[in-house]
Amino acid sequence: MELLGKAFERVPTRIMKKRLQSVIHEDSRSFLPRINAPTLILQGRHDYLVSKTAGSTLARMIKDSTSQMLDGGHGLLQESPEAAANFIIQFIENHHHQR
């Protein structure tokens, strides 16, 4: 949690506002089926900003996606960097061998 706090401290308030506004106002679901690259979806088991249904919607709408639930909240890369990195490395290795 400490790493997440430090990461948020580095982001200017105006940028955070823009990011939150885009999340609230943009609906990119129509774009998702056009993604044709292997996609890894990491979701925090305790993410209170993005619902679990949002993660399952991504997984359902992106053709070649892999979804993984990790312990942590919204800032998985800061909260659980080693676990997230392990899944990312495994995902890349699996898809590299499939080529």
PDB file of N, CA and C in Angstrom:
ATOM      1  N   MET A   1       0.824  -1.192   0.000  1.00  0.00           N
ATOM      2  CA  MET A   1       0.000   0.000   0.000  1.00  0.00           C
ATOM      3  C   MET A   1       0.863   1.249   0.000  1.00  0.00           C
ATOM      4  N   GLU A   2       2.014   1.149   0.618  1.00  0.00           N
ATOM      5  CA  GLU A   2       2.928   2.291   0.680  1.00  0.00           C
ATOM      6  C   GLU A   2       3.403   2.688  -0.722  1.00  0.00           C
ATOM      7  N   LEU A   3       3.727   1.674  -1.553  1.00  0.00           N
ATOM      8  CA  LEU A   3       4.160   1.974  -2.928  1.00  0.00           C
ATOM      9  C   LEU A   3       3.046   2.634  -3.727  1.00  0.00           C
ATOM     10  N   LEU A   4       1.813   2.213  -3.498  1.00  0.00           N
ATOM     11  CA  LEU A   4       0.680   2.810  -4.198  1.00  0.00           C
ATOM     12  C   LEU A   4       0.539   4.276  -3.819  1.00  0.00           C
ATOM     13  N   GLY A   5       0.649   4.573  -2.535  1.00  0.00           N
ATOM     14  CA  GLY A   5       0.568   5.960  -2.077  1.00  0.00           C
ATOM     15  C   GLY A   5       1.649   6.814  -2.707  1.00  0.00           C
ATOM     16  N   LYS A   6       2.858   6.293  -2.779  1.00  0.00           N
ATOM     17  CA  LYS A   6       3.973   7.028  -3.393  1.00  0.00           C
ATOM     18  C   LYS A   6       3.717   7.254  -4.881  1.00  0.00           C
ATOM     19  N   ALA A   7       3.158   6.250  -5.538  1.00  0.00           N
ATOM     20  CA  ALA A   7       2.864   6.395  -6.969  1.00  0.00           C
ATOM     21  C   ALA A   7       1.822   7.487  -7.197  1.00  0.00           C
ATOM     22  N   PHE A   8       0.775   7.511  -6.367  1.00  0.00           N
ATOM     23  CA  PHE A   8      -0.264   8.541  -6.514  1.00  0.00           C
ATOM     24  C   PHE A   8       0.278   9.933  -6.209  1.00  0.00           C
ATOM     25  N   GLU A   9       1.205  10.026  -5.279  1.00  0.00           N
ATOM     26  CA  GLU A   9       1.794  11.321  -4.945  1.00  0.00           C
ATOM     27  C   GLU A   9       2.516  11.944  -6.135  1.00  0.00           C
ATOM     28  N   ARG A  10       3.031  11.119  -7.009  1.00  0.00           N
ATOM     29  CA  ARG A  10       3.795  11.602  -8.170  1.00  0.00           C
ATOM     30  C   ARG A  10       2.912  12.106  -9.310  1.00  0.00           C
ATOM     31  N   VAL A  11       1.663  11.722  -9.300  1.00  0.00           N
ATOM     32  CA  VAL A  11       0.758  12.102 -10.385  1.00  0.00           C
ATOM     33  C   VAL A  11       0.081  13.417 -10.024  1.00  0.00           C
ATOM     34  N   PRO A  12       0.248  14.433 -10.863  1.00  0.00           N
ATOM     35  CA  PRO A  12      -0.395  15.722 -10.587  1.00  0.00           C
ATOM     36  C   PRO A  12      -1.920  15.580 -10.489  1.00  0.00           C
ATOM     37  N   THR A  13      -2.516  16.387  -9.642  1.00  0.00           N
ATOM     38  CA  THR A  13      -3.959  16.326  -9.406  1.00  0.00           C
ATOM     39  C   THR A  13      -4.746  16.494 -10.696  1.00  0.00           C
ATOM     40  N   ARG A  14      -4.332  17.395 -11.564  1.00  0.00           N
ATOM     41  CA  ARG A  14      -5.073  17.622 -12.815  1.00  0.00           C
ATOM     42  C   ARG A  14      -5.072  16.364 -13.696  1.00  0.00           C
ATOM     43  N   ILE A  15      -3.980  15.595 -13.652  1.00  0.00           N
ATOM     44  CA  ILE A  15      -3.900  14.354 -14.434  1.00  0.00           C
ATOM     45  C   ILE A  15      -4.843  13.305 -13.831  1.00  0.00           C
ATOM     46  N   MET A  16      -4.845  13.186 -12.512  1.00  0.00           N
ATOM     47  CA  MET A  16      -5.738  12.228 -11.855  1.00  0.00           C
ATOM     48  C   MET A  16      -7.193  12.564 -12.160  1.00  0.00           C
ATOM     49  N   LYS A  17      -7.538  13.859 -12.147  1.00  0.00           N
ATOM     50  CA  LYS A  17      -8.904  14.267 -12.464  1.00  0.00           C
ATOM     51  C   LYS A  17      -9.277  13.863 -13.881  1.00  0.00           C
ATOM     52  N   LYS A  18      -8.368  14.102 -14.827  1.00  0.00           N
ATOM     53  CA  LYS A  18      -8.626  13.737 -16.226  1.00  0.00           C
ATOM     54  C   LYS A  18      -8.820  12.231 -16.382  1.00  0.00           C
ATOM     55  N   ARG A  19      -7.974  11.460 -15.707  1.00  0.00           N
ATOM     56  CA  ARG A  19      -8.089   9.997 -15.778  1.00  0.00           C
ATOM     57  C   ARG A  19      -9.438   9.532 -15.236  1.00  0.00           C
ATOM     58  N   LEU A  20      -9.820  10.065 -14.094  1.00  0.00           N
ATOM     59  CA  LEU A  20     -11.092   9.660 -13.495  1.00  0.00           C
ATOM     60  C   LEU A  20     -12.268  10.082 -14.362  1.00  0.00           C
ATOM     61  N   GLN A  21     -12.203  11.275 -14.942  1.00  0.00           N
ATOM     62  CA  GLN A  21     -13.283  11.728 -15.821  1.00  0.00           C
ATOM     63  C   GLN A  21     -13.401  10.831 -17.045  1.00  0.00           C
ATOM     64  N   SER A  22     -12.276  10.421 -17.601  1.00  0.00           N
ATOM     65  CA  SER A  22     -12.342   9.566 -18.788  1.00  0.00           C
ATOM     66  C   SER A  22     -12.920   8.201 -18.442  1.00  0.00           C
ATOM     67  N   VAL A  23     -12.601   7.692 -17.265  1.00  0.00           N
ATOM     68  CA  VAL A  23     -13.166   6.411 -16.838  1.00  0.00           C
ATOM     69  C   VAL A  23     -14.678   6.527 -16.671  1.00  0.00           C
ATOM     70  N   ILE A  24     -15.126   7.639 -16.127  1.00  0.00           N
ATOM     71  CA  ILE A  24     -16.549   7.834 -15.875  1.00  0.00           C
ATOM     72  C   ILE A  24     -17.324   8.066 -17.172  1.00  0.00           C
ATOM     73  N   HIS A  25     -16.745   8.840 -18.103  1.00  0.00           N
ATOM     74  CA  HIS A  25     -17.500   9.288 -19.274  1.00  0.00           C
ATOM     75  C   HIS A  25     -17.265   8.478 -20.545  1.00  0.00           C
ATOM     76  N   GLU A  26     -16.205   7.733 -20.632  1.00  0.00           N
ATOM     77  CA  GLU A  26     -15.904   6.995 -21.858  1.00  0.00           C
ATOM     78  C   GLU A  26     -16.413   5.565 -21.764  1.00  0.00           C
ATOM     79  N   ASP A  27     -16.978   5.098 -22.838  1.00  0.00           N
ATOM     80  CA  ASP A  27     -17.413   3.706 -22.924  1.00  0.00           C
ATOM     81  C   ASP A  27     -16.716   3.093 -24.128  1.00  0.00           C
ATOM     82  N   SER A  28     -15.704   2.301 -23.863  1.00  0.00           N
ATOM     83  CA  SER A  28     -14.894   1.754 -24.953  1.00  0.00           C
ATOM     84  C   SER A  28     -15.251   0.308 -25.283  1.00  0.00           C
ATOM     85  N   ARG A  29     -16.373  -0.162 -24.807  1.00  0.00           N
ATOM     86  CA  ARG A  29     -16.742  -1.557 -25.050  1.00  0.00           C
ATOM     87  C   ARG A  29     -16.835  -1.898 -26.527  1.00  0.00           C
ATOM     88  N   SER A  30     -17.244  -0.957 -27.363  1.00  0.00           N
ATOM     89  CA  SER A  30     -17.354  -1.257 -28.798  1.00  0.00           C
ATOM     90  C   SER A  30     -15.980  -1.493 -29.427  1.00  0.00           C
ATOM     91  N   PHE A  31     -14.945  -0.983 -28.808  1.00  0.00           N
ATOM     92  CA  PHE A  31     -13.585  -1.156 -29.314  1.00  0.00           C
ATOM     93  C   PHE A  31     -13.001  -2.518 -28.934  1.00  0.00           C
ATOM     94  N   LEU A  32     -13.412  -3.063 -27.815  1.00  0.00           N
ATOM     95  CA  LEU A  32     -12.801  -4.276 -27.265  1.00  0.00           C
ATOM     96  C   LEU A  32     -12.771  -5.469 -28.226  1.00  0.00           C
ATOM     97  N   PRO A  33     -13.837  -5.774 -28.946  1.00  0.00           N
ATOM     98  CA  PRO A  33     -13.785  -6.931 -29.849  1.00  0.00           C
ATOM     99  C   PRO A  33     -12.786  -6.760 -31.000  1.00  0.00           C
ATOM    100  N   ARG A  34     -12.348  -5.539 -31.253  1.00  0.00           N
ATOM    101  CA  ARG A  34     -11.384  -5.303 -32.334  1.00  0.00           C
ATOM    102  C   ARG A  34      -9.943  -5.560 -31.894  1.00  0.00           C
ATOM    103  N   ILE A  35      -9.723  -5.782 -30.610  1.00  0.00           N
ATOM    104  CA  ILE A  35      -8.374  -6.085 -30.117  1.00  0.00           C
ATOM    105  C   ILE A  35      -8.027  -7.495 -30.573  1.00  0.00           C
ATOM    106  N   ASN A  36      -6.952  -7.615 -31.322  1.00  0.00           N
ATOM    107  CA  ASN A  36      -6.593  -8.931 -31.862  1.00  0.00           C
ATOM    108  C   ASN A  36      -5.204  -9.384 -31.406  1.00  0.00           C
ATOM    109  N   ALA A  37      -4.784  -8.892 -30.279  1.00  0.00           N
ATOM    110  CA  ALA A  37      -3.504  -9.303 -29.698  1.00  0.00           C
ATOM    111  C   ALA A  37      -3.773 -10.025 -28.387  1.00  0.00           C
ATOM    112  N   PRO A  38      -2.937 -10.989 -28.047  1.00  0.00           N
ATOM    113  CA  PRO A  38      -3.096 -11.624 -26.734  1.00  0.00           C
ATOM    114  C   PRO A  38      -3.084 -10.560 -25.639  1.00  0.00           C
ATOM    115  N   THR A  39      -4.024 -10.647 -24.731  1.00  0.00           N
ATOM    116  CA  THR A  39      -4.204  -9.615 -23.718  1.00  0.00           C
ATOM    117  C   THR A  39      -4.286 -10.243 -22.334  1.00  0.00           C
ATOM    118  N   LEU A  40      -3.501  -9.710 -21.408  1.00  0.00           N
ATOM    119  CA  LEU A  40      -3.533 -10.161 -20.027  1.00  0.00           C
ATOM    120  C   LEU A  40      -4.318  -9.141 -19.209  1.00  0.00           C
ATOM    121  N   ILE A  41      -5.317  -9.625 -18.501  1.00  0.00           N
ATOM    122  CA  ILE A  41      -6.142  -8.777 -17.644  1.00  0.00           C
ATOM    123  C   ILE A  41      -5.812  -9.127 -16.200  1.00  0.00           C
ATOM    124  N   LEU A  42      -5.197  -8.196 -15.497  1.00  0.00           N
ATOM    125  CA  LEU A  42      -4.908  -8.389 -14.078  1.00  0.00           C
ATOM    126  C   LEU A  42      -5.920  -7.592 -13.277  1.00  0.00           C
ATOM    127  N   GLN A  43      -6.515  -8.244 -12.306  1.00  0.00           N
ATOM    128  CA  GLN A  43      -7.517  -7.556 -11.501  1.00  0.00           C
ATOM    129  C   GLN A  43      -7.260  -7.839 -10.028  1.00  0.00           C
ATOM    130  N   GLY A  44      -7.432  -6.808  -9.211  1.00  0.00           N
ATOM    131  CA  GLY A  44      -7.242  -6.940  -7.779  1.00  0.00           C
ATOM    132  C   GLY A  44      -8.490  -7.491  -7.104  1.00  0.00           C
ATOM    133  N   ARG A  45      -8.290  -8.465  -6.280  1.00  0.00           N
ATOM    134  CA  ARG A  45      -9.390  -9.080  -5.539  1.00  0.00           C
ATOM    135  C   ARG A  45     -10.100  -8.054  -4.650  1.00  0.00           C
ATOM    136  N   HIS A  46      -9.363  -7.024  -4.228  1.00  0.00           N
ATOM    137  CA  HIS A  46      -9.923  -6.002  -3.339  1.00  0.00           C
ATOM    138  C   HIS A  46      -9.959  -4.634  -4.016  1.00  0.00           C
ATOM    139  N   ASP A  47     -10.157  -4.645  -5.323  1.00  0.00           N
ATOM    140  CA  ASP A  47     -10.242  -3.398  -6.085  1.00  0.00           C
ATOM    141  C   ASP A  47     -11.651  -2.836  -5.914  1.00  0.00           C
ATOM    142  N   TYR A  48     -11.734  -1.696  -5.240  1.00  0.00           N
ATOM    143  CA  TYR A  48     -13.041  -1.084  -5.007  1.00  0.00           C
ATOM    144  C   TYR A  48     -13.342   0.024  -6.011  1.00  0.00           C
ATOM    145  N   LEU A  49     -12.410   0.267  -6.937  1.00  0.00           N
ATOM    146  CA  LEU A  49     -12.651   1.261  -7.983  1.00  0.00           C
ATOM    147  C   LEU A  49     -13.187   0.622  -9.257  1.00  0.00           C
ATOM    148  N   VAL A  50     -12.699  -0.575  -9.577  1.00  0.00           N
ATOM    149  CA  VAL A  50     -13.149  -1.282 -10.784  1.00  0.00           C
ATOM    150  C   VAL A  50     -13.828  -2.573 -10.344  1.00  0.00           C
ATOM    151  N   SER A  51     -15.058  -2.749 -10.734  1.00  0.00           N
ATOM    152  CA  SER A  51     -15.830  -3.909 -10.286  1.00  0.00           C
ATOM    153  C   SER A  51     -15.321  -5.200 -10.922  1.00  0.00           C
ATOM    154  N   LYS A  52     -15.621  -6.290 -10.279  1.00  0.00           N
ATOM    155  CA  LYS A  52     -15.251  -7.601 -10.815  1.00  0.00           C
ATOM    156  C   LYS A  52     -15.981  -7.869 -12.126  1.00  0.00           C
ATOM    157  N   THR A  53     -17.191  -7.324 -12.257  1.00  0.00           N
ATOM    158  CA  THR A  53     -17.929  -7.510 -13.508  1.00  0.00           C
ATOM    159  C   THR A  53     -17.243  -6.782 -14.668  1.00  0.00           C
ATOM    160  N   ALA A  54     -16.564  -5.679 -14.373  1.00  0.00           N
ATOM    161  CA  ALA A  54     -15.821  -4.985 -15.434  1.00  0.00           C
ATOM    162  C   ALA A  54     -14.698  -5.880 -15.965  1.00  0.00           C
ATOM    163  N   GLY A  55     -14.015  -6.559 -15.054  1.00  0.00           N
ATOM    164  CA  GLY A  55     -12.952  -7.479 -15.471  1.00  0.00           C
ATOM    165  C   GLY A  55     -13.486  -8.635 -16.294  1.00  0.00           C
ATOM    166  N   SER A  56     -14.616  -9.182 -15.871  1.00  0.00           N
ATOM    167  CA  SER A  56     -15.186 -10.299 -16.627  1.00  0.00           C
ATOM    168  C   SER A  56     -15.725  -9.831 -17.986  1.00  0.00           C
ATOM    169  N   THR A  57     -16.211  -8.587 -18.055  1.00  0.00           N
ATOM    170  CA  THR A  57     -16.643  -8.026 -19.336  1.00  0.00           C
ATOM    171  C   THR A  57     -15.465  -7.906 -20.287  1.00  0.00           C
ATOM    172  N   LEU A  58     -14.334  -7.407 -19.780  1.00  0.00           N
ATOM    173  CA  LEU A  58     -13.132  -7.334 -20.616  1.00  0.00           C
ATOM    174  C   LEU A  58     -12.755  -8.711 -21.136  1.00  0.00           C
ATOM    175  N   ALA A  59     -12.716  -9.681 -20.243  1.00  0.00           N
ATOM    176  CA  ALA A  59     -12.319 -11.041 -20.626  1.00  0.00           C
ATOM    177  C   ALA A  59     -13.262 -11.623 -21.674  1.00  0.00           C
ATOM    178  N   ARG A  60     -14.534 -11.340 -21.545  1.00  0.00           N
ATOM    179  CA  ARG A  60     -15.523 -11.868 -22.484  1.00  0.00           C
ATOM    180  C   ARG A  60     -15.439 -11.174 -23.849  1.00  0.00           C
ATOM    181  N   MET A  61     -15.127  -9.876 -23.855  1.00  0.00           N
ATOM    182  CA  MET A  61     -15.174  -9.102 -25.091  1.00  0.00           C
ATOM    183  C   MET A  61     -13.849  -9.052 -25.852  1.00  0.00           C
ATOM    184  N   ILE A  62     -12.749  -9.370 -25.186  1.00  0.00           N
ATOM    185  CA  ILE A  62     -11.450  -9.406 -25.874  1.00  0.00           C
ATOM    186  C   ILE A  62     -11.171 -10.855 -26.223  1.00  0.00           C
ATOM    187  N   LYS A  63     -11.107 -11.128 -27.507  1.00  0.00           N
ATOM    188  CA  LYS A  63     -11.039 -12.478 -28.037  1.00  0.00           C
ATOM    189  C   LYS A  63      -9.961 -13.359 -27.395  1.00  0.00           C
ATOM    190  N   ASP A  64      -8.729 -12.942 -27.447  1.00  0.00           N
ATOM    191  CA  ASP A  64      -7.609 -13.761 -26.964  1.00  0.00           C
ATOM    192  C   ASP A  64      -7.090 -13.200 -25.645  1.00  0.00           C
ATOM    193  N   SER A  65      -7.949 -13.242 -24.612  1.00  0.00           N
ATOM    194  CA  SER A  65      -7.549 -12.655 -23.336  1.00  0.00           C
ATOM    195  C   SER A  65      -7.409 -13.727 -22.267  1.00  0.00           C
ATOM    196  N   THR A  66      -6.570 -13.417 -21.311  1.00  0.00           N
ATOM    197  CA  THR A  66      -6.363 -14.248 -20.131  1.00  0.00           C
ATOM    198  C   THR A  66      -6.590 -13.344 -18.934  1.00  0.00           C
ATOM    199  N   SER A  67      -7.406 -13.803 -18.008  1.00  0.00           N
ATOM    200  CA  SER A  67      -7.728 -12.997 -16.844  1.00  0.00           C
ATOM    201  C   SER A  67      -7.140 -13.641 -15.597  1.00  0.00           C
ATOM    202  N   GLN A  68      -6.583 -12.809 -14.735  1.00  0.00           N
ATOM    203  CA  GLN A  68      -5.984 -13.311 -13.501  1.00  0.00           C
ATOM    204  C   GLN A  68      -6.348 -12.410 -12.338  1.00  0.00           C
ATOM    205  N   MET A  69      -6.874 -12.994 -11.292  1.00  0.00           N
ATOM    206  CA  MET A  69      -7.226 -12.263 -10.081  1.00  0.00           C
ATOM    207  C   MET A  69      -6.051 -12.368  -9.113  1.00  0.00           C
ATOM    208  N   LEU A  70      -5.624 -11.220  -8.573  1.00  0.00           N
ATOM    209  CA  LEU A  70      -4.505 -11.181  -7.628  1.00  0.00           C
ATOM    210  C   LEU A  70      -4.956 -10.548  -6.319  1.00  0.00           C
ATOM    211  N   ASP A  71      -4.263 -10.909  -5.246  1.00  0.00           N
ATOM    212  CA  ASP A  71      -4.522 -10.226  -3.984  1.00  0.00           C
ATOM    213  C   ASP A  71      -4.056  -8.788  -4.128  1.00  0.00           C
ATOM    214  N   GLY A  72      -4.888  -7.870  -3.743  1.00  0.00           N
ATOM    215  CA  GLY A  72      -4.538  -6.463  -3.840  1.00  0.00           C
ATOM    216  C   GLY A  72      -5.732  -5.654  -4.268  1.00  0.00           C
ATOM    217  N   GLY A  73      -5.509  -4.369  -4.380  1.00  0.00           N
ATOM    218  CA  GLY A  73      -6.564  -3.448  -4.769  1.00  0.00           C
ATOM    219  C   GLY A  73      -6.352  -2.928  -6.165  1.00  0.00           C
ATOM    220  N   HIS A  74      -6.680  -1.670  -6.369  1.00  0.00           N
ATOM    221  CA  HIS A  74      -6.616  -1.068  -7.697  1.00  0.00           C
ATOM    222  C   HIS A  74      -5.183  -0.878  -8.200  1.00  0.00           C
ATOM    223  N   GLY A  75      -4.252  -0.673  -7.305  1.00  0.00           N
ATOM    224  CA  GLY A  75      -2.863  -0.452  -7.712  1.00  0.00           C
ATOM    225  C   GLY A  75      -2.034  -1.714  -7.619  1.00  0.00           C
ATOM    226  N   LEU A  76      -2.424  -2.730  -8.370  1.00  0.00           N
ATOM    227  CA  LEU A  76      -1.756  -4.032  -8.281  1.00  0.00           C
ATOM    228  C   LEU A  76      -0.250  -3.970  -8.499  1.00  0.00           C
ATOM    229  N   LEU A  77       0.171  -3.203  -9.472  1.00  0.00           N
ATOM    230  CA  LEU A  77       1.603  -3.166  -9.786  1.00  0.00           C
ATOM    231  C   LEU A  77       2.409  -2.559  -8.656  1.00  0.00           C
ATOM    232  N   GLN A  78       1.778  -1.692  -7.874  1.00  0.00           N
ATOM    233  CA  GLN A  78       2.455  -1.108  -6.722  1.00  0.00           C
ATOM    234  C   GLN A  78       2.266  -1.960  -5.468  1.00  0.00           C
ATOM    235  N   GLU A  79       1.090  -2.553  -5.320  1.00  0.00           N
ATOM    236  CA  GLU A  79       0.773  -3.321  -4.121  1.00  0.00           C
ATOM    237  C   GLU A  79       1.353  -4.731  -4.154  1.00  0.00           C
ATOM    238  N   SER A  80       1.332  -5.352  -5.309  1.00  0.00           N
ATOM    239  CA  SER A  80       1.792  -6.733  -5.459  1.00  0.00           C
ATOM    240  C   SER A  80       2.719  -6.847  -6.664  1.00  0.00           C
ATOM    241  N   PRO A  81       3.825  -6.099  -6.654  1.00  0.00           N
ATOM    242  CA  PRO A  81       4.675  -6.063  -7.854  1.00  0.00           C
ATOM    243  C   PRO A  81       5.254  -7.420  -8.249  1.00  0.00           C
ATOM    244  N   GLU A  82       5.657  -8.226  -7.275  1.00  0.00           N
ATOM    245  CA  GLU A  82       6.271  -9.512  -7.611  1.00  0.00           C
ATOM    246  C   GLU A  82       5.241 -10.478  -8.195  1.00  0.00           C
ATOM    247  N   ALA A  83       4.081 -10.559  -7.578  1.00  0.00           N
ATOM    248  CA  ALA A  83       3.036 -11.455  -8.082  1.00  0.00           C
ATOM    249  C   ALA A  83       2.593 -11.025  -9.477  1.00  0.00           C
ATOM    250  N   ALA A  84       2.399  -9.719  -9.663  1.00  0.00           N
ATOM    251  CA  ALA A  84       1.985  -9.216 -10.975  1.00  0.00           C
ATOM    252  C   ALA A  84       3.060  -9.498 -12.016  1.00  0.00           C
ATOM    253  N   ALA A  85       4.310  -9.240 -11.662  1.00  0.00           N
ATOM    254  CA  ALA A  85       5.421  -9.491 -12.602  1.00  0.00           C
ATOM    255  C   ALA A  85       5.486 -10.959 -12.980  1.00  0.00           C
ATOM    256  N   ASN A  86       5.279 -11.845 -12.019  1.00  0.00           N
ATOM    257  CA  ASN A  86       5.316 -13.284 -12.316  1.00  0.00           C
ATOM    258  C   ASN A  86       4.246 -13.666 -13.326  1.00  0.00           C
ATOM    259  N   PHE A  87       3.034 -13.146 -13.174  1.00  0.00           N
ATOM    260  CA  PHE A  87       1.969 -13.445 -14.127  1.00  0.00           C
ATOM    261  C   PHE A  87       2.265 -12.841 -15.494  1.00  0.00           C
ATOM    262  N   ILE A  88       2.820 -11.652 -15.516  1.00  0.00           N
ATOM    263  CA  ILE A  88       3.161 -11.010 -16.791  1.00  0.00           C
ATOM    264  C   ILE A  88       4.237 -11.814 -17.516  1.00  0.00           C
ATOM    265  N   ILE A  89       5.270 -12.226 -16.788  1.00  0.00           N
ATOM    266  CA  ILE A  89       6.346 -13.025 -17.395  1.00  0.00           C
ATOM    267  C   ILE A  89       5.799 -14.349 -17.911  1.00  0.00           C
ATOM    268  N   GLN A  90       4.991 -15.015 -17.109  1.00  0.00           N
ATOM    269  CA  GLN A  90       4.396 -16.294 -17.514  1.00  0.00           C
ATOM    270  C   GLN A  90       3.531 -16.119 -18.766  1.00  0.00           C
ATOM    271  N   PHE A  91       2.742 -15.045 -18.801  1.00  0.00           N
ATOM    272  CA  PHE A  91       1.883 -14.759 -19.954  1.00  0.00           C
ATOM    273  C   PHE A  91       2.725 -14.557 -21.216  1.00  0.00           C
ATOM    274  N   ILE A  92       3.779 -13.766 -21.105  1.00  0.00           N
ATOM    275  CA  ILE A  92       4.650 -13.504 -22.263  1.00  0.00           C
ATOM    276  C   ILE A  92       5.323 -14.787 -22.727  1.00  0.00           C
ATOM    277  N   GLU A  93       5.839 -15.570 -21.784  1.00  0.00           N
ATOM    278  CA  GLU A  93       6.500 -16.822 -22.156  1.00  0.00           C
ATOM    279  C   GLU A  93       5.537 -17.786 -22.839  1.00  0.00           C
ATOM    280  N   ASN A  94       4.321 -17.906 -22.312  1.00  0.00           N
ATOM    281  CA  ASN A  94       3.323 -18.793 -22.922  1.00  0.00           C
ATOM    282  C   ASN A  94       2.987 -18.371 -24.338  1.00  0.00           C
ATOM    283  N   HIS A  95       2.835 -17.076 -24.563  1.00  0.00           N
ATOM    284  CA  HIS A  95       2.475 -16.607 -25.891  1.00  0.00           C
ATOM    285  C   HIS A  95       3.664 -16.597 -26.833  1.00  0.00           C
ATOM    286  N   HIS A  96       4.845 -16.443 -26.306  1.00  0.00           N
ATOM    287  CA  HIS A  96       6.048 -16.486 -27.142  1.00  0.00           C
ATOM    288  C   HIS A  96       6.243 -17.904 -27.695  1.00  0.00           C
ATOM    289  N   HIS A  97       5.980 -18.915 -26.865  1.00  0.00           N
ATOM    290  CA  HIS A  97       6.158 -20.299 -27.291  1.00  0.00           C
ATOM    291  C   HIS A  97       5.076 -20.734 -28.274  1.00  0.00           C
ATOM    292  N   GLN A  98       3.937 -20.062 -28.265  1.00  0.00           N
ATOM    293  CA  GLN A  98       2.836 -20.412 -29.172  1.00  0.00           C
ATOM    294  C   GLN A  98       3.064 -19.881 -30.581  1.00  0.00           C
ATOM    295  N   ARG A  99       3.974 -18.965 -30.740  1.00  0.00           N
ATOM    296  CA  ARG A  99       4.195 -18.335 -32.065  1.00  0.00           C
ATOM    297  C   ARG A  99       4.880 -19.253 -32.979  1.00  0.00           C
TER     298      ARG A  99
END
